N, C-alpha and C. Protein backbone atom coordinates (compact mmCIF):
# COMPACT_ATOMS: atom_id res chain seq x y z
N UNK A 1 0.84 -1.18 0.00
CA UNK A 1 0.00 0.00 0.00
C UNK A 1 0.88 1.24 0.00
N UNK A 2 0.59 2.17 -0.84
CA UNK A 2 1.37 3.41 -0.94
C UNK A 2 0.84 4.41 0.07
N UNK A 3 1.68 4.74 1.06
CA UNK A 3 1.26 5.68 2.10
C UNK A 3 1.79 7.08 1.86
N UNK A 4 2.49 7.24 0.77
CA UNK A 4 3.04 8.56 0.46
C UNK A 4 1.91 9.53 0.15
N UNK A 5 1.93 10.68 0.80
CA UNK A 5 0.90 11.69 0.59
C UNK A 5 1.19 12.42 -0.70
N UNK A 6 0.36 12.21 -1.69
CA UNK A 6 0.54 12.88 -2.97
C UNK A 6 -0.53 13.94 -3.12
N UNK A 7 -0.11 15.16 -3.14
CA UNK A 7 -1.04 16.27 -3.33
C UNK A 7 -0.58 17.08 -4.52
N UNK A 8 -1.52 17.84 -5.05
CA UNK A 8 -1.20 18.66 -6.20
C UNK A 8 -0.25 19.79 -5.83
N UNK A 9 -0.53 20.47 -4.70
CA UNK A 9 0.33 21.57 -4.26
C UNK A 9 1.70 20.99 -3.91
N UNK A 10 2.72 21.52 -4.53
CA UNK A 10 4.08 21.04 -4.29
C UNK A 10 4.51 19.94 -5.25
N UNK A 11 3.60 19.53 -6.13
CA UNK A 11 3.97 18.48 -7.09
C UNK A 11 4.68 19.10 -8.30
N UNK A 12 5.23 18.24 -9.12
CA UNK A 12 5.87 18.71 -10.35
C UNK A 12 4.89 19.48 -11.23
N UNK A 13 3.65 18.97 -11.30
CA UNK A 13 2.63 19.64 -12.12
C UNK A 13 2.33 21.04 -11.58
N UNK A 14 2.26 21.15 -10.27
CA UNK A 14 2.01 22.46 -9.64
C UNK A 14 3.10 23.45 -10.04
N UNK A 15 4.36 23.02 -9.91
CA UNK A 15 5.47 23.91 -10.25
C UNK A 15 5.53 24.19 -11.75
N UNK A 16 5.16 23.22 -12.57
CA UNK A 16 5.13 23.43 -14.02
C UNK A 16 4.08 24.48 -14.39
N UNK A 17 2.91 24.38 -13.78
CA UNK A 17 1.85 25.35 -14.05
C UNK A 17 2.26 26.74 -13.54
N UNK A 18 2.86 26.79 -12.35
CA UNK A 18 3.34 28.07 -11.82
C UNK A 18 4.42 28.67 -12.73
N UNK A 19 5.32 27.81 -13.22
CA UNK A 19 6.37 28.28 -14.13
C UNK A 19 5.76 28.87 -15.39
N UNK A 20 4.82 28.16 -15.99
CA UNK A 20 4.19 28.65 -17.22
C UNK A 20 3.47 29.97 -16.97
N UNK A 21 2.73 30.04 -15.87
CA UNK A 21 2.02 31.27 -15.52
C UNK A 21 2.97 32.44 -15.32
N UNK A 22 4.03 32.21 -14.56
CA UNK A 22 5.01 33.28 -14.32
C UNK A 22 5.75 33.66 -15.59
N UNK A 23 6.02 32.67 -16.44
CA UNK A 23 6.68 32.96 -17.71
C UNK A 23 5.81 33.88 -18.57
N UNK A 24 4.53 33.60 -18.59
CA UNK A 24 3.60 34.45 -19.34
C UNK A 24 3.58 35.85 -18.75
N UNK A 25 3.49 35.95 -17.44
CA UNK A 25 3.49 37.27 -16.78
C UNK A 25 4.77 38.03 -17.09
N UNK A 26 5.92 37.36 -16.97
CA UNK A 26 7.21 38.01 -17.26
C UNK A 26 7.29 38.46 -18.71
N UNK A 27 6.79 37.64 -19.62
CA UNK A 27 6.79 38.00 -21.03
C UNK A 27 5.91 39.23 -21.28
N UNK A 28 4.73 39.25 -20.68
CA UNK A 28 3.84 40.40 -20.82
C UNK A 28 4.46 41.67 -20.24
N UNK A 29 5.13 41.53 -19.11
CA UNK A 29 5.82 42.69 -18.51
C UNK A 29 6.90 43.20 -19.47
N UNK A 30 7.69 42.27 -20.00
CA UNK A 30 8.78 42.67 -20.91
C UNK A 30 8.26 43.33 -22.19
N UNK A 31 7.16 42.84 -22.69
CA UNK A 31 6.65 43.35 -23.97
C UNK A 31 5.80 44.61 -23.86
N UNK A 32 5.05 44.73 -22.76
CA UNK A 32 4.03 45.78 -22.74
C UNK A 32 4.13 46.80 -21.60
N UNK A 33 4.90 46.52 -20.58
CA UNK A 33 4.94 47.44 -19.44
C UNK A 33 6.13 48.37 -19.59
N UNK A 34 5.85 49.65 -19.54
CA UNK A 34 6.88 50.68 -19.65
C UNK A 34 6.70 51.67 -18.50
N UNK A 35 6.99 51.22 -17.31
CA UNK A 35 6.82 52.09 -16.15
C UNK A 35 8.09 52.12 -15.33
N UNK A 36 8.02 52.75 -14.17
CA UNK A 36 9.21 52.92 -13.32
C UNK A 36 9.21 51.96 -12.14
N UNK A 37 8.23 51.04 -12.06
CA UNK A 37 8.22 50.14 -10.91
C UNK A 37 8.05 48.67 -11.31
N UNK A 38 6.96 48.36 -12.02
CA UNK A 38 6.66 46.96 -12.34
C UNK A 38 7.78 46.34 -13.17
N UNK A 39 8.12 46.95 -14.27
CA UNK A 39 9.14 46.34 -15.15
C UNK A 39 10.52 46.27 -14.49
N UNK A 40 11.04 47.35 -13.92
CA UNK A 40 12.40 47.25 -13.39
C UNK A 40 12.52 46.52 -12.06
N UNK A 41 11.48 46.51 -11.24
CA UNK A 41 11.61 45.91 -9.91
C UNK A 41 10.82 44.61 -9.76
N UNK A 42 9.52 44.65 -10.03
CA UNK A 42 8.70 43.45 -9.86
C UNK A 42 9.11 42.34 -10.83
N UNK A 43 9.55 42.71 -12.01
CA UNK A 43 10.04 41.70 -12.95
C UNK A 43 11.22 40.94 -12.38
N UNK A 44 12.11 41.64 -11.68
CA UNK A 44 13.28 40.99 -11.07
C UNK A 44 12.90 40.16 -9.85
N UNK A 45 11.91 40.60 -9.10
CA UNK A 45 11.42 39.81 -7.97
C UNK A 45 10.81 38.51 -8.49
N UNK A 46 10.00 38.63 -9.53
CA UNK A 46 9.31 37.46 -10.07
C UNK A 46 10.24 36.48 -10.79
N UNK A 47 11.32 36.98 -11.37
CA UNK A 47 12.18 36.09 -12.16
C UNK A 47 12.85 35.03 -11.28
N UNK A 48 13.20 35.35 -10.05
CA UNK A 48 13.81 34.32 -9.20
C UNK A 48 12.77 33.29 -8.78
N UNK A 49 11.53 33.71 -8.62
CA UNK A 49 10.45 32.77 -8.31
C UNK A 49 10.20 31.88 -9.53
N UNK A 50 10.26 32.46 -10.72
CA UNK A 50 10.14 31.70 -11.97
C UNK A 50 11.22 30.63 -12.04
N UNK A 51 12.45 31.00 -11.76
CA UNK A 51 13.57 30.05 -11.80
C UNK A 51 13.38 28.95 -10.76
N UNK A 52 12.89 29.33 -9.57
CA UNK A 52 12.62 28.35 -8.51
C UNK A 52 11.59 27.33 -8.99
N UNK A 53 10.50 27.82 -9.57
CA UNK A 53 9.46 26.91 -10.06
C UNK A 53 10.01 25.97 -11.13
N UNK A 54 10.84 26.51 -12.02
CA UNK A 54 11.45 25.68 -13.05
C UNK A 54 12.32 24.59 -12.43
N UNK A 55 13.14 24.96 -11.46
CA UNK A 55 14.02 23.99 -10.80
C UNK A 55 13.21 22.91 -10.08
N UNK A 56 12.10 23.31 -9.45
CA UNK A 56 11.30 22.35 -8.69
C UNK A 56 10.55 21.36 -9.57
N UNK A 57 10.44 21.66 -10.84
CA UNK A 57 9.87 20.67 -11.76
C UNK A 57 10.77 19.43 -11.79
N UNK A 58 12.07 19.63 -11.67
CA UNK A 58 13.05 18.55 -11.78
C UNK A 58 13.57 18.08 -10.43
N UNK A 59 13.58 18.95 -9.44
CA UNK A 59 14.06 18.61 -8.10
C UNK A 59 12.84 18.35 -7.24
N UNK A 60 12.55 17.08 -7.00
CA UNK A 60 11.32 16.73 -6.29
C UNK A 60 11.52 16.65 -4.78
N UNK A 61 12.72 16.40 -4.35
CA UNK A 61 12.98 16.34 -2.91
C UNK A 61 13.17 17.75 -2.35
N UNK A 62 12.75 17.97 -1.11
CA UNK A 62 12.97 19.30 -0.52
C UNK A 62 14.46 19.63 -0.49
N UNK A 63 14.79 20.79 -0.93
CA UNK A 63 16.17 21.24 -0.95
C UNK A 63 16.20 22.62 -0.31
N UNK A 64 16.49 22.66 0.96
CA UNK A 64 16.39 23.88 1.77
C UNK A 64 17.24 25.01 1.20
N UNK A 65 18.38 24.71 0.60
CA UNK A 65 19.29 25.74 0.11
C UNK A 65 19.00 26.22 -1.31
N UNK A 66 17.97 25.66 -1.95
CA UNK A 66 17.67 26.02 -3.34
C UNK A 66 17.47 27.52 -3.54
N UNK A 67 16.72 28.21 -2.67
CA UNK A 67 16.58 29.66 -2.87
C UNK A 67 17.92 30.40 -2.83
N UNK A 68 18.84 29.96 -1.99
CA UNK A 68 20.16 30.58 -1.95
C UNK A 68 20.91 30.36 -3.26
N UNK A 69 20.85 29.14 -3.79
CA UNK A 69 21.51 28.85 -5.07
C UNK A 69 20.91 29.68 -6.20
N UNK A 70 19.61 29.86 -6.17
CA UNK A 70 18.95 30.67 -7.19
C UNK A 70 19.37 32.13 -7.05
N UNK A 71 19.46 32.62 -5.82
CA UNK A 71 19.92 33.99 -5.60
C UNK A 71 21.34 34.16 -6.13
N UNK A 72 22.22 33.21 -5.84
CA UNK A 72 23.61 33.29 -6.32
C UNK A 72 23.66 33.22 -7.84
N UNK A 73 22.83 32.40 -8.44
CA UNK A 73 22.75 32.32 -9.90
C UNK A 73 22.34 33.68 -10.48
N UNK A 74 21.31 34.29 -9.90
CA UNK A 74 20.84 35.60 -10.37
C UNK A 74 21.94 36.65 -10.21
N UNK A 75 22.69 36.57 -9.12
CA UNK A 75 23.80 37.51 -8.91
C UNK A 75 24.90 37.30 -9.95
N UNK A 76 25.13 36.05 -10.34
CA UNK A 76 26.11 35.78 -11.39
C UNK A 76 25.68 36.40 -12.71
N UNK A 77 24.41 36.28 -13.04
CA UNK A 77 23.90 36.91 -14.26
C UNK A 77 24.08 38.42 -14.18
N UNK A 78 23.82 38.98 -13.00
CA UNK A 78 24.00 40.43 -12.82
C UNK A 78 25.48 40.81 -12.96
N UNK A 79 26.37 39.96 -12.46
CA UNK A 79 27.81 40.21 -12.62
C UNK A 79 28.21 40.17 -14.10
N UNK A 80 27.60 39.25 -14.85
CA UNK A 80 27.83 39.22 -16.30
C UNK A 80 27.45 40.55 -16.93
N UNK A 81 26.37 41.12 -16.45
CA UNK A 81 25.94 42.42 -16.97
C UNK A 81 26.97 43.50 -16.62
N UNK A 82 27.50 43.44 -15.41
CA UNK A 82 28.51 44.41 -14.99
C UNK A 82 29.73 44.35 -15.91
N UNK A 83 30.13 43.14 -16.26
CA UNK A 83 31.30 42.96 -17.12
C UNK A 83 30.94 42.98 -18.61
N UNK A 84 29.71 43.35 -18.93
CA UNK A 84 29.22 43.49 -20.30
C UNK A 84 29.51 42.25 -21.15
N UNK A 85 29.12 41.09 -20.60
CA UNK A 85 29.40 39.82 -21.26
C UNK A 85 28.77 39.74 -22.65
N UNK A 86 27.65 40.42 -22.84
CA UNK A 86 26.99 40.42 -24.16
C UNK A 86 27.94 40.98 -25.22
N UNK A 87 28.59 42.08 -24.89
CA UNK A 87 29.53 42.70 -25.83
C UNK A 87 30.79 41.85 -25.97
N UNK A 88 31.28 41.32 -24.85
CA UNK A 88 32.48 40.49 -24.88
C UNK A 88 32.28 39.28 -25.79
N UNK A 89 31.09 38.69 -25.74
CA UNK A 89 30.79 37.51 -26.57
C UNK A 89 30.35 37.88 -27.98
N UNK A 90 30.22 39.18 -28.26
CA UNK A 90 29.81 39.62 -29.59
C UNK A 90 28.33 39.39 -29.86
N UNK A 91 27.52 39.39 -28.79
CA UNK A 91 26.09 39.11 -28.94
C UNK A 91 25.22 40.36 -28.79
N UNK A 92 25.82 41.54 -28.95
CA UNK A 92 25.08 42.78 -28.74
C UNK A 92 23.92 42.95 -29.72
N UNK A 93 23.93 42.24 -30.83
CA UNK A 93 22.83 42.33 -31.80
C UNK A 93 21.83 41.18 -31.66
N UNK A 94 22.05 40.30 -30.71
CA UNK A 94 21.17 39.14 -30.49
C UNK A 94 20.13 39.48 -29.42
N UNK A 95 18.90 39.66 -29.86
CA UNK A 95 17.82 40.06 -28.94
C UNK A 95 17.61 39.01 -27.84
N UNK A 96 17.64 37.74 -28.18
CA UNK A 96 17.44 36.68 -27.19
C UNK A 96 18.51 36.75 -26.11
N UNK A 97 19.77 36.91 -26.49
CA UNK A 97 20.85 37.00 -25.50
C UNK A 97 20.67 38.22 -24.61
N UNK A 98 20.24 39.33 -25.18
CA UNK A 98 20.03 40.54 -24.39
C UNK A 98 18.88 40.37 -23.41
N UNK A 99 17.84 39.65 -23.81
CA UNK A 99 16.71 39.42 -22.91
C UNK A 99 17.09 38.45 -21.80
N UNK A 100 17.76 37.37 -22.14
CA UNK A 100 18.11 36.34 -21.16
C UNK A 100 19.19 36.82 -20.20
N UNK A 101 20.25 37.41 -20.72
CA UNK A 101 21.37 37.82 -19.88
C UNK A 101 21.27 39.26 -19.37
N UNK A 102 20.43 40.06 -20.00
CA UNK A 102 20.32 41.46 -19.60
C UNK A 102 21.48 42.27 -20.12
N UNK A 103 21.33 43.57 -19.99
CA UNK A 103 22.36 44.44 -20.57
C UNK A 103 22.92 45.48 -19.62
N UNK A 104 22.28 45.68 -18.46
CA UNK A 104 22.78 46.73 -17.57
C UNK A 104 22.77 46.27 -16.11
N UNK A 105 23.87 46.50 -15.45
CA UNK A 105 24.05 46.13 -14.05
C UNK A 105 23.33 47.12 -13.14
N UNK A 106 22.74 46.62 -12.07
CA UNK A 106 22.12 47.47 -11.07
C UNK A 106 22.14 46.77 -9.71
N UNK A 107 22.56 47.51 -8.69
CA UNK A 107 22.51 46.97 -7.33
C UNK A 107 21.07 46.72 -6.92
N UNK A 108 20.14 47.52 -7.44
CA UNK A 108 18.72 47.35 -7.11
C UNK A 108 18.20 46.01 -7.62
N UNK A 109 18.75 45.53 -8.72
CA UNK A 109 18.35 44.22 -9.23
C UNK A 109 18.70 43.13 -8.21
N UNK A 110 19.86 43.24 -7.63
CA UNK A 110 20.29 42.26 -6.62
C UNK A 110 19.37 42.32 -5.40
N UNK A 111 18.98 43.51 -5.01
CA UNK A 111 18.03 43.67 -3.90
C UNK A 111 16.71 42.98 -4.27
N UNK A 112 16.25 43.19 -5.49
CA UNK A 112 15.00 42.56 -5.94
C UNK A 112 15.10 41.04 -5.96
N UNK A 113 16.24 40.51 -6.37
CA UNK A 113 16.44 39.06 -6.35
C UNK A 113 16.35 38.54 -4.92
N UNK A 114 16.95 39.26 -3.98
CA UNK A 114 16.89 38.86 -2.57
C UNK A 114 15.44 38.89 -2.07
N UNK A 115 14.71 39.95 -2.40
CA UNK A 115 13.31 40.06 -1.99
C UNK A 115 12.50 38.89 -2.56
N UNK A 116 12.76 38.51 -3.79
CA UNK A 116 12.05 37.39 -4.41
C UNK A 116 12.41 36.05 -3.80
N UNK A 117 13.64 35.91 -3.31
CA UNK A 117 14.08 34.63 -2.76
C UNK A 117 13.63 34.42 -1.31
N UNK A 118 13.42 35.49 -0.57
CA UNK A 118 13.06 35.35 0.85
C UNK A 118 11.83 34.46 1.06
N UNK A 119 10.72 34.70 0.37
CA UNK A 119 9.57 33.81 0.62
C UNK A 119 9.81 32.37 0.19
N UNK A 120 10.75 32.15 -0.70
CA UNK A 120 11.03 30.79 -1.15
C UNK A 120 11.61 29.92 -0.03
N UNK A 121 12.27 30.55 0.94
CA UNK A 121 12.82 29.81 2.07
C UNK A 121 11.71 29.23 2.95
N UNK A 122 10.52 29.76 2.85
CA UNK A 122 9.42 29.34 3.72
C UNK A 122 8.48 28.36 3.05
N UNK A 123 8.76 28.02 1.80
CA UNK A 123 7.92 27.04 1.10
C UNK A 123 8.26 25.65 1.63
N UNK A 124 7.24 24.95 2.04
CA UNK A 124 7.41 23.57 2.54
C UNK A 124 6.89 22.60 1.51
N UNK A 125 7.50 21.45 1.45
CA UNK A 125 7.05 20.38 0.53
C UNK A 125 5.74 19.85 1.02
């Protein structure tokens, strides 16, 4: 008899649906929002949650340090922006590379990544 509690919340399907939903929201923000708060700040808060949901599709066991790893990953991407990796790699004309890696460094982005990762530490399986 299988005694494992299988619920939808916290399952791979749950995280896949959350990922798709957040991806759509992030895409809509990138394409249509031109303001001074939602696009520059909320987009960065949401992107770490998006990455978390993506990771949890594949990582089924609770991993307490995952939000920290995601925060460090986001900081690495921000460091790439500081060192203008897009230009170094000759990808300044590649729209996809500019969207994925970003083009401008900001300390506020790192703050937003931290804000987005904090609630992830409290998610229980």
